[in-house]
Amino acid sequence: MIEVTGSHIELSGEMSRAAFDAALAAIGEYNRASQPYAGLLEQECLIMAGGLRVRDTAAGVQVEPGCCAGLEEWRGWSCLVDGEQPWLGHSPDPGLEFRDGVARLWQDVEHTDGPACEIPLADVPAHLEGVQRDLAGFLGLVRQWAPDGLGDRLAARFDAEFRISAPL
């Protein structure tokens, strides 16, 4: 998901046109592109403020991406399987601990006494496959909805920058 004016929009092939337009405008603004679409093609590199939101539906807990986390780091979550911590951002600093094949994640390392999101390490690859499907769906909307015939070029650029279709 990406950050849009203090809130977040989940990127997927299920986005409404309004959410898609808001997301592309936010991506363009964050990258200081001269225009939301064509200007992104002119950038040296692209970044997306936001990152992955973690939800533990059984515990009713979710952890939002911290400040300075970016969607460009989504593949870094695969390091959980090896007992390593991905970049989670800061302010607040998310807390993470490993215990018995599970990664426990809190929104703020200063408040780890409450409920946490628990991610079985064996499930991480399947979760990342789901993220990849959502991002591939977003690329489909970019191809379909980007104006002025820019869809294929812009989707290819996002795919290259964020390594969306590359094998996990």
N, C-alpha and C. Protein backbone atom coordinates (compact mmCIF):
# COMPACT_ATOMS: atom_id res chain seq x y z
N MET A 1 0.84 -1.17 0.00
CA MET A 1 0.00 0.00 0.00
C MET A 1 0.88 1.23 0.00
N ILE A 2 0.35 2.32 -0.46
CA ILE A 2 1.13 3.54 -0.50
C ILE A 2 0.47 4.60 0.37
N GLU A 3 1.30 5.52 0.83
CA GLU A 3 0.81 6.60 1.67
C GLU A 3 0.26 7.71 0.79
N VAL A 4 -0.93 8.17 1.14
CA VAL A 4 -1.57 9.25 0.41
C VAL A 4 -2.11 10.23 1.43
N THR A 5 -1.48 11.37 1.56
CA THR A 5 -1.92 12.44 2.45
C THR A 5 -2.33 11.92 3.83
N GLY A 6 -1.41 11.24 4.48
CA GLY A 6 -1.66 10.79 5.84
C GLY A 6 -2.48 9.53 5.96
N SER A 7 -2.96 8.98 4.88
CA SER A 7 -3.67 7.71 4.92
C SER A 7 -2.98 6.76 3.93
N HIS A 8 -3.55 5.61 3.72
CA HIS A 8 -2.94 4.63 2.84
C HIS A 8 -3.96 4.10 1.83
N ILE A 9 -3.47 3.75 0.67
CA ILE A 9 -4.28 3.12 -0.37
C ILE A 9 -3.63 1.79 -0.71
N GLU A 10 -4.40 0.73 -0.70
CA GLU A 10 -3.88 -0.58 -1.08
C GLU A 10 -3.87 -0.68 -2.60
N LEU A 11 -2.71 -1.05 -3.14
CA LEU A 11 -2.58 -1.23 -4.58
C LEU A 11 -2.99 -2.64 -4.94
N SER A 12 -3.88 -2.75 -5.93
CA SER A 12 -4.32 -4.05 -6.42
C SER A 12 -5.08 -3.84 -7.72
N GLY A 13 -5.45 -4.92 -8.31
CA GLY A 13 -6.28 -4.86 -9.51
C GLY A 13 -7.74 -4.57 -9.21
N GLU A 14 -8.08 -4.47 -7.93
CA GLU A 14 -9.45 -4.23 -7.49
C GLU A 14 -9.70 -2.78 -7.11
N MET A 15 -8.73 -1.91 -7.34
CA MET A 15 -8.87 -0.50 -6.96
C MET A 15 -9.96 0.18 -7.79
N SER A 16 -10.61 1.14 -7.16
CA SER A 16 -11.54 1.98 -7.92
C SER A 16 -10.72 2.95 -8.76
N ARG A 17 -11.36 3.55 -9.73
CA ARG A 17 -10.66 4.53 -10.57
C ARG A 17 -10.21 5.72 -9.72
N ALA A 18 -11.03 6.14 -8.77
CA ALA A 18 -10.67 7.28 -7.91
C ALA A 18 -9.45 6.93 -7.06
N ALA A 19 -9.41 5.72 -6.49
CA ALA A 19 -8.26 5.31 -5.69
C ALA A 19 -7.01 5.21 -6.56
N PHE A 20 -7.17 4.69 -7.77
CA PHE A 20 -6.04 4.59 -8.71
C PHE A 20 -5.49 5.98 -9.03
N ASP A 21 -6.36 6.90 -9.36
CA ASP A 21 -5.92 8.26 -9.68
C ASP A 21 -5.22 8.91 -8.49
N ALA A 22 -5.77 8.71 -7.27
CA ALA A 22 -5.15 9.26 -6.07
C ALA A 22 -3.78 8.64 -5.84
N ALA A 23 -3.67 7.33 -6.07
CA ALA A 23 -2.39 6.65 -5.88
C ALA A 23 -1.35 7.16 -6.86
N LEU A 24 -1.71 7.29 -8.14
CA LEU A 24 -0.74 7.78 -9.13
C LEU A 24 -0.36 9.23 -8.86
N ALA A 25 -1.30 10.03 -8.41
CA ALA A 25 -0.99 11.41 -8.06
C ALA A 25 0.00 11.45 -6.89
N ALA A 26 -0.22 10.60 -5.88
CA ALA A 26 0.67 10.55 -4.72
C ALA A 26 2.05 10.05 -5.11
N ILE A 27 2.12 9.05 -5.97
CA ILE A 27 3.41 8.53 -6.43
C ILE A 27 4.15 9.62 -7.19
N GLY A 28 3.43 10.32 -8.06
CA GLY A 28 4.05 11.41 -8.82
C GLY A 28 4.55 12.52 -7.91
N GLU A 29 3.74 12.89 -6.93
CA GLU A 29 4.13 13.96 -6.00
C GLU A 29 5.33 13.53 -5.15
N TYR A 30 5.31 12.31 -4.65
CA TYR A 30 6.40 11.84 -3.80
C TYR A 30 7.73 11.79 -4.57
N ASN A 31 7.64 11.49 -5.86
CA ASN A 31 8.83 11.42 -6.69
C ASN A 31 9.16 12.76 -7.36
N ARG A 32 8.39 13.78 -7.00
CA ARG A 32 8.58 15.12 -7.55
C ARG A 32 8.55 15.12 -9.08
N ALA A 33 7.64 14.32 -9.62
CA ALA A 33 7.49 14.25 -11.07
C ALA A 33 6.77 15.50 -11.56
N SER A 34 7.15 15.96 -12.73
CA SER A 34 6.53 17.16 -13.30
C SER A 34 5.06 16.91 -13.64
N GLN A 35 4.71 15.66 -13.93
CA GLN A 35 3.33 15.25 -14.22
C GLN A 35 3.12 13.88 -13.58
N PRO A 36 1.89 13.56 -13.15
CA PRO A 36 1.67 12.29 -12.47
C PRO A 36 2.00 11.05 -13.31
N TYR A 37 1.87 11.12 -14.61
CA TYR A 37 2.09 9.93 -15.43
C TYR A 37 3.39 10.05 -16.23
N ALA A 38 3.44 10.93 -17.21
CA ALA A 38 4.62 11.07 -18.06
C ALA A 38 5.85 11.46 -17.24
N GLY A 39 5.66 12.27 -16.22
CA GLY A 39 6.78 12.70 -15.40
C GLY A 39 7.45 11.54 -14.67
N LEU A 40 6.69 10.48 -14.37
CA LEU A 40 7.28 9.32 -13.70
C LEU A 40 8.26 8.59 -14.61
N LEU A 41 8.02 8.65 -15.90
CA LEU A 41 8.93 7.99 -16.84
C LEU A 41 10.26 8.71 -16.94
N GLU A 42 10.29 9.97 -16.54
CA GLU A 42 11.51 10.78 -16.64
C GLU A 42 12.40 10.67 -15.40
N GLN A 43 11.90 10.06 -14.33
CA GLN A 43 12.64 9.99 -13.07
C GLN A 43 13.81 9.00 -13.17
N GLU A 44 14.89 9.34 -12.47
CA GLU A 44 16.05 8.44 -12.43
C GLU A 44 15.70 7.13 -11.75
N CYS A 45 14.98 7.21 -10.63
CA CYS A 45 14.48 6.03 -9.94
C CYS A 45 13.12 6.40 -9.33
N LEU A 46 12.35 5.39 -9.01
CA LEU A 46 11.03 5.61 -8.43
C LEU A 46 10.97 4.98 -7.04
N ILE A 47 10.28 5.66 -6.13
CA ILE A 47 10.00 5.14 -4.81
C ILE A 47 8.54 5.38 -4.49
N MET A 48 8.00 4.58 -3.60
CA MET A 48 6.62 4.74 -3.17
C MET A 48 6.58 4.73 -1.65
N ALA A 49 6.22 5.84 -1.06
CA ALA A 49 6.06 5.90 0.40
C ALA A 49 4.94 4.94 0.79
N GLY A 50 5.16 4.21 1.84
CA GLY A 50 4.17 3.25 2.30
C GLY A 50 4.87 1.96 2.67
N GLY A 51 4.42 0.88 2.17
CA GLY A 51 5.01 -0.42 2.46
C GLY A 51 3.93 -1.46 2.66
N LEU A 52 4.26 -2.50 3.39
CA LEU A 52 3.31 -3.57 3.63
C LEU A 52 2.63 -3.39 4.97
N ARG A 53 1.32 -3.52 4.97
CA ARG A 53 0.53 -3.54 6.21
C ARG A 53 0.40 -5.00 6.62
N VAL A 54 0.60 -5.27 7.89
CA VAL A 54 0.47 -6.63 8.40
C VAL A 54 -0.81 -6.70 9.22
N ARG A 55 -1.64 -7.69 8.91
CA ARG A 55 -2.89 -7.90 9.64
C ARG A 55 -2.91 -9.30 10.21
N ASP A 56 -3.23 -9.40 11.47
CA ASP A 56 -3.47 -10.69 12.11
C ASP A 56 -4.96 -10.72 12.41
N THR A 57 -5.72 -11.36 11.54
CA THR A 57 -7.17 -11.34 11.68
C THR A 57 -7.63 -12.11 12.91
N ALA A 58 -6.88 -13.14 13.33
CA ALA A 58 -7.25 -13.90 14.52
C ALA A 58 -7.12 -13.03 15.77
N ALA A 59 -6.08 -12.23 15.85
CA ALA A 59 -5.85 -11.37 17.01
C ALA A 59 -6.53 -10.01 16.88
N GLY A 60 -6.99 -9.69 15.67
CA GLY A 60 -7.61 -8.39 15.45
C GLY A 60 -6.61 -7.25 15.52
N VAL A 61 -5.38 -7.50 15.11
CA VAL A 61 -4.31 -6.52 15.20
C VAL A 61 -3.76 -6.24 13.81
N GLN A 62 -3.38 -4.99 13.57
CA GLN A 62 -2.68 -4.68 12.34
C GLN A 62 -1.54 -3.72 12.64
N VAL A 63 -0.50 -3.80 11.82
CA VAL A 63 0.67 -2.95 11.96
C VAL A 63 0.86 -2.23 10.63
N GLU A 64 0.82 -0.90 10.71
CA GLU A 64 1.00 -0.06 9.53
C GLU A 64 2.48 0.13 9.25
N PRO A 65 2.85 0.39 8.00
CA PRO A 65 4.25 0.68 7.71
C PRO A 65 4.70 1.93 8.47
N GLY A 66 5.92 1.90 8.96
CA GLY A 66 6.47 3.06 9.66
C GLY A 66 6.94 4.12 8.68
N CYS A 67 7.26 5.27 9.21
CA CYS A 67 7.78 6.37 8.41
C CYS A 67 9.04 5.91 7.67
N CYS A 68 9.16 6.34 6.46
CA CYS A 68 10.32 6.07 5.61
C CYS A 68 10.36 4.64 5.09
N ALA A 69 9.36 3.83 5.41
CA ALA A 69 9.25 2.52 4.77
C ALA A 69 8.71 2.78 3.37
N GLY A 70 9.11 1.99 2.43
CA GLY A 70 8.64 2.18 1.07
C GLY A 70 8.23 0.87 0.44
N LEU A 71 7.33 0.96 -0.50
CA LEU A 71 6.87 -0.25 -1.17
C LEU A 71 8.00 -0.90 -1.96
N GLU A 72 9.01 -0.11 -2.31
CA GLU A 72 10.15 -0.68 -3.05
C GLU A 72 10.88 -1.74 -2.23
N GLU A 73 10.61 -1.80 -0.93
CA GLU A 73 11.25 -2.78 -0.04
C GLU A 73 10.41 -4.03 0.19
N TRP A 74 9.32 -4.22 -0.56
CA TRP A 74 8.40 -5.31 -0.26
C TRP A 74 9.07 -6.68 -0.31
N ARG A 75 9.99 -6.89 -1.21
CA ARG A 75 10.66 -8.20 -1.31
C ARG A 75 11.56 -8.48 -0.11
N GLY A 76 11.98 -7.44 0.59
CA GLY A 76 12.83 -7.61 1.76
C GLY A 76 12.19 -8.41 2.87
N TRP A 77 10.86 -8.49 2.86
CA TRP A 77 10.16 -9.26 3.89
C TRP A 77 10.50 -10.75 3.81
N SER A 78 11.05 -11.21 2.71
CA SER A 78 11.41 -12.62 2.60
C SER A 78 12.49 -13.01 3.60
N CYS A 79 13.25 -12.04 4.11
CA CYS A 79 14.30 -12.35 5.08
C CYS A 79 13.74 -12.84 6.42
N LEU A 80 12.45 -12.65 6.65
CA LEU A 80 11.85 -13.18 7.88
C LEU A 80 12.08 -14.68 8.00
N VAL A 81 12.02 -15.37 6.88
CA VAL A 81 12.18 -16.82 6.87
C VAL A 81 13.54 -17.22 7.46
N ASP A 82 14.53 -16.36 7.29
CA ASP A 82 15.88 -16.62 7.81
C ASP A 82 16.10 -16.02 9.19
N GLY A 83 15.03 -15.54 9.81
CA GLY A 83 15.15 -14.96 11.14
C GLY A 83 15.76 -13.57 11.15
N GLU A 84 15.65 -12.87 10.05
CA GLU A 84 16.19 -11.51 9.95
C GLU A 84 15.04 -10.51 9.86
N GLN A 85 15.30 -9.29 10.27
CA GLN A 85 14.27 -8.25 10.28
C GLN A 85 14.34 -7.40 9.01
N PRO A 86 13.22 -7.29 8.31
CA PRO A 86 13.18 -6.38 7.17
C PRO A 86 13.10 -4.93 7.66
N TRP A 87 13.31 -3.98 6.77
CA TRP A 87 13.15 -2.57 7.12
C TRP A 87 11.67 -2.32 7.34
N LEU A 88 11.31 -1.85 8.53
CA LEU A 88 9.91 -1.63 8.91
C LEU A 88 9.59 -0.15 9.08
N GLY A 89 10.58 0.71 8.91
CA GLY A 89 10.35 2.13 9.11
C GLY A 89 10.54 2.52 10.57
N HIS A 90 10.12 3.73 10.88
CA HIS A 90 10.28 4.25 12.24
C HIS A 90 9.17 5.25 12.53
N SER A 91 9.18 5.77 13.74
CA SER A 91 8.24 6.81 14.20
C SER A 91 6.79 6.40 14.09
N PRO A 92 6.32 5.45 14.81
CA PRO A 92 7.05 4.69 15.82
C PRO A 92 7.86 3.57 15.18
N ASP A 93 8.82 3.06 15.95
CA ASP A 93 9.65 1.94 15.50
C ASP A 93 8.89 0.64 15.76
N PRO A 94 8.51 -0.07 14.70
CA PRO A 94 7.84 -1.35 14.92
C PRO A 94 8.75 -2.32 15.66
N GLY A 95 8.15 -3.13 16.52
CA GLY A 95 8.90 -4.15 17.24
C GLY A 95 8.72 -5.50 16.58
N LEU A 96 9.78 -6.29 16.58
CA LEU A 96 9.73 -7.62 15.96
C LEU A 96 10.56 -8.57 16.79
N GLU A 97 10.00 -9.76 17.05
CA GLU A 97 10.76 -10.82 17.70
C GLU A 97 10.39 -12.14 17.06
N PHE A 98 11.31 -13.07 17.14
CA PHE A 98 11.10 -14.40 16.59
C PHE A 98 10.96 -15.38 17.75
N ARG A 99 9.96 -16.25 17.61
CA ARG A 99 9.70 -17.23 18.66
C ARG A 99 9.02 -18.45 18.05
N ASP A 100 9.64 -19.60 18.17
CA ASP A 100 9.03 -20.88 17.77
C ASP A 100 8.43 -20.86 16.37
N GLY A 101 9.20 -20.44 15.39
CA GLY A 101 8.73 -20.45 14.00
C GLY A 101 7.73 -19.36 13.66
N VAL A 102 7.65 -18.35 14.52
CA VAL A 102 6.69 -17.26 14.31
C VAL A 102 7.42 -15.92 14.47
N ALA A 103 7.08 -14.97 13.62
CA ALA A 103 7.54 -13.59 13.80
C ALA A 103 6.40 -12.83 14.46
N ARG A 104 6.69 -12.20 15.60
CA ARG A 104 5.70 -11.38 16.31
C ARG A 104 6.04 -9.93 16.04
N LEU A 105 5.03 -9.16 15.64
CA LEU A 105 5.24 -7.79 15.21
C LEU A 105 4.28 -6.86 15.94
N TRP A 106 4.84 -5.75 16.49
CA TRP A 106 4.05 -4.72 17.15
C TRP A 106 4.24 -3.41 16.42
N GLN A 107 3.25 -2.55 16.50
CA GLN A 107 3.33 -1.24 15.86
C GLN A 107 4.47 -0.41 16.45
N ASP A 108 4.71 -0.54 17.76
CA ASP A 108 5.69 0.30 18.43
C ASP A 108 6.51 -0.55 19.40
N VAL A 109 7.83 -0.55 19.22
CA VAL A 109 8.71 -1.34 20.08
C VAL A 109 8.61 -0.92 21.54
N GLU A 110 8.11 0.28 21.79
CA GLU A 110 7.94 0.76 23.17
C GLU A 110 6.70 0.17 23.84
N HIS A 111 5.84 -0.47 23.06
CA HIS A 111 4.57 -1.00 23.59
C HIS A 111 4.38 -2.45 23.13
N THR A 112 5.23 -3.33 23.60
CA THR A 112 5.15 -4.73 23.20
C THR A 112 4.38 -5.59 24.20
N ASP A 113 3.70 -4.94 25.14
CA ASP A 113 2.94 -5.70 26.12
C ASP A 113 1.53 -6.03 25.64
N GLY A 114 1.09 -5.43 24.55
CA GLY A 114 -0.25 -5.68 24.03
C GLY A 114 -0.25 -6.76 22.96
N PRO A 115 -1.37 -6.91 22.29
CA PRO A 115 -1.47 -7.93 21.24
C PRO A 115 -0.53 -7.61 20.07
N ALA A 116 -0.08 -8.65 19.43
CA ALA A 116 0.85 -8.53 18.30
C ALA A 116 0.31 -9.27 17.09
N CYS A 117 0.82 -8.92 15.93
CA CYS A 117 0.57 -9.71 14.73
C CYS A 117 1.54 -10.87 14.75
N GLU A 118 1.05 -12.05 14.53
CA GLU A 118 1.91 -13.23 14.48
C GLU A 118 1.90 -13.78 13.06
N ILE A 119 3.10 -13.93 12.52
CA ILE A 119 3.26 -14.43 11.17
C ILE A 119 4.05 -15.74 11.24
N PRO A 120 3.39 -16.86 10.97
CA PRO A 120 4.16 -18.11 10.91
C PRO A 120 5.19 -17.99 9.78
N LEU A 121 6.45 -18.27 10.08
CA LEU A 121 7.50 -18.09 9.10
C LEU A 121 7.28 -18.95 7.86
N ALA A 122 6.66 -20.10 8.03
CA ALA A 122 6.37 -20.97 6.89
C ALA A 122 5.36 -20.34 5.94
N ASP A 123 4.57 -19.36 6.43
CA ASP A 123 3.56 -18.71 5.60
C ASP A 123 4.07 -17.49 4.84
N VAL A 124 5.27 -17.03 5.16
CA VAL A 124 5.80 -15.81 4.55
C VAL A 124 5.83 -15.90 3.02
N PRO A 125 6.34 -16.98 2.42
CA PRO A 125 6.35 -17.03 0.95
C PRO A 125 4.96 -16.88 0.33
N ALA A 126 3.96 -17.52 0.91
CA ALA A 126 2.59 -17.40 0.37
C ALA A 126 2.07 -15.98 0.52
N HIS A 127 2.38 -15.33 1.63
CA HIS A 127 1.96 -13.94 1.81
C HIS A 127 2.60 -13.04 0.75
N LEU A 128 3.88 -13.26 0.49
CA LEU A 128 4.56 -12.45 -0.52
C LEU A 128 4.03 -12.73 -1.92
N GLU A 129 3.62 -13.96 -2.17
CA GLU A 129 2.97 -14.26 -3.45
C GLU A 129 1.67 -13.47 -3.58
N GLY A 130 0.94 -13.31 -2.48
CA GLY A 130 -0.28 -12.51 -2.50
C GLY A 130 0.01 -11.05 -2.77
N VAL A 131 1.07 -10.52 -2.16
CA VAL A 131 1.49 -9.15 -2.43
C VAL A 131 1.84 -9.00 -3.91
N GLN A 132 2.57 -9.97 -4.42
CA GLN A 132 2.96 -9.93 -5.83
C GLN A 132 1.73 -9.94 -6.75
N ARG A 133 0.73 -10.74 -6.42
CA ARG A 133 -0.51 -10.77 -7.22
C ARG A 133 -1.21 -9.42 -7.19
N ASP A 134 -1.28 -8.81 -5.99
CA ASP A 134 -1.91 -7.50 -5.87
C ASP A 134 -1.17 -6.46 -6.70
N LEU A 135 0.15 -6.47 -6.64
CA LEU A 135 0.93 -5.50 -7.41
C LEU A 135 0.81 -5.75 -8.90
N ALA A 136 0.75 -7.02 -9.31
CA ALA A 136 0.55 -7.33 -10.72
C ALA A 136 -0.83 -6.84 -11.18
N GLY A 137 -1.83 -6.95 -10.32
CA GLY A 137 -3.15 -6.41 -10.65
C GLY A 137 -3.11 -4.90 -10.81
N PHE A 138 -2.34 -4.23 -9.95
CA PHE A 138 -2.16 -2.78 -10.09
C PHE A 138 -1.51 -2.45 -11.43
N LEU A 139 -0.51 -3.24 -11.85
CA LEU A 139 0.12 -3.01 -13.15
C LEU A 139 -0.91 -3.13 -14.28
N GLY A 140 -1.84 -4.06 -14.14
CA GLY A 140 -2.89 -4.19 -15.14
C GLY A 140 -3.73 -2.93 -15.25
N LEU A 141 -4.03 -2.33 -14.10
CA LEU A 141 -4.79 -1.07 -14.13
C LEU A 141 -3.96 0.06 -14.71
N VAL A 142 -2.66 0.08 -14.44
CA VAL A 142 -1.80 1.09 -15.03
C VAL A 142 -1.86 0.97 -16.56
N ARG A 143 -1.75 -0.24 -17.07
CA ARG A 143 -1.83 -0.45 -18.52
C ARG A 143 -3.17 0.03 -19.08
N GLN A 144 -4.23 -0.23 -18.34
CA GLN A 144 -5.58 0.09 -18.79
C GLN A 144 -5.93 1.57 -18.65
N TRP A 145 -5.54 2.20 -17.55
CA TRP A 145 -6.05 3.53 -17.22
C TRP A 145 -5.08 4.68 -17.41
N ALA A 146 -3.80 4.42 -17.58
CA ALA A 146 -2.87 5.54 -17.78
C ALA A 146 -3.21 6.23 -19.10
N PRO A 147 -3.24 7.55 -19.10
CA PRO A 147 -3.66 8.29 -20.29
C PRO A 147 -2.57 8.38 -21.36
N ASP A 148 -2.96 8.87 -22.51
CA ASP A 148 -2.04 9.23 -23.59
C ASP A 148 -1.17 8.08 -24.06
N GLY A 149 -1.67 6.86 -24.00
CA GLY A 149 -0.90 5.72 -24.48
C GLY A 149 0.32 5.38 -23.63
N LEU A 150 0.35 5.86 -22.39
CA LEU A 150 1.52 5.64 -21.52
C LEU A 150 1.43 4.35 -20.70
N GLY A 151 0.30 3.66 -20.78
CA GLY A 151 0.06 2.52 -19.90
C GLY A 151 1.12 1.45 -19.94
N ASP A 152 1.48 0.98 -21.13
CA ASP A 152 2.46 -0.09 -21.22
C ASP A 152 3.84 0.36 -20.73
N ARG A 153 4.24 1.56 -21.10
CA ARG A 153 5.55 2.06 -20.70
C ARG A 153 5.62 2.29 -19.18
N LEU A 154 4.56 2.87 -18.64
CA LEU A 154 4.55 3.14 -17.20
C LEU A 154 4.48 1.84 -16.39
N ALA A 155 3.68 0.89 -16.86
CA ALA A 155 3.61 -0.41 -16.17
C ALA A 155 4.97 -1.11 -16.22
N ALA A 156 5.64 -1.05 -17.36
CA ALA A 156 6.96 -1.66 -17.48
C ALA A 156 7.95 -0.98 -16.53
N ARG A 157 7.85 0.33 -16.39
CA ARG A 157 8.75 1.05 -15.50
C ARG A 157 8.51 0.66 -14.04
N PHE A 158 7.23 0.63 -13.63
CA PHE A 158 6.90 0.20 -12.26
C PHE A 158 7.39 -1.23 -12.03
N ASP A 159 7.18 -2.10 -13.01
CA ASP A 159 7.58 -3.49 -12.87
C ASP A 159 9.10 -3.59 -12.69
N ALA A 160 9.84 -2.83 -13.47
CA ALA A 160 11.30 -2.87 -13.37
C ALA A 160 11.78 -2.29 -12.04
N GLU A 161 11.21 -1.17 -11.62
CA GLU A 161 11.66 -0.50 -10.39
C GLU A 161 11.31 -1.28 -9.13
N PHE A 162 10.14 -1.90 -9.12
CA PHE A 162 9.66 -2.57 -7.91
C PHE A 162 9.73 -4.09 -8.01
N ARG A 163 10.32 -4.58 -9.08
CA ARG A 163 10.54 -6.02 -9.29
C ARG A 163 9.26 -6.81 -8.99
N ILE A 164 8.21 -6.43 -9.66
CA ILE A 164 6.90 -7.04 -9.39
C ILE A 164 6.79 -8.42 -10.02
N SER A 165 7.11 -8.56 -11.30
CA SER A 165 6.88 -9.85 -11.95
C SER A 165 8.09 -10.79 -11.88
N ALA A 166 9.20 -10.33 -11.37
CA ALA A 166 10.37 -11.21 -11.22
C ALA A 166 10.03 -12.34 -10.26
N PRO A 167 10.58 -13.52 -10.48
CA PRO A 167 10.30 -14.65 -9.57
C PRO A 167 10.69 -14.31 -8.13
N LEU A 168 9.89 -14.81 -7.20
CA LEU A 168 10.20 -14.61 -5.77
C LEU A 168 11.31 -15.54 -5.33
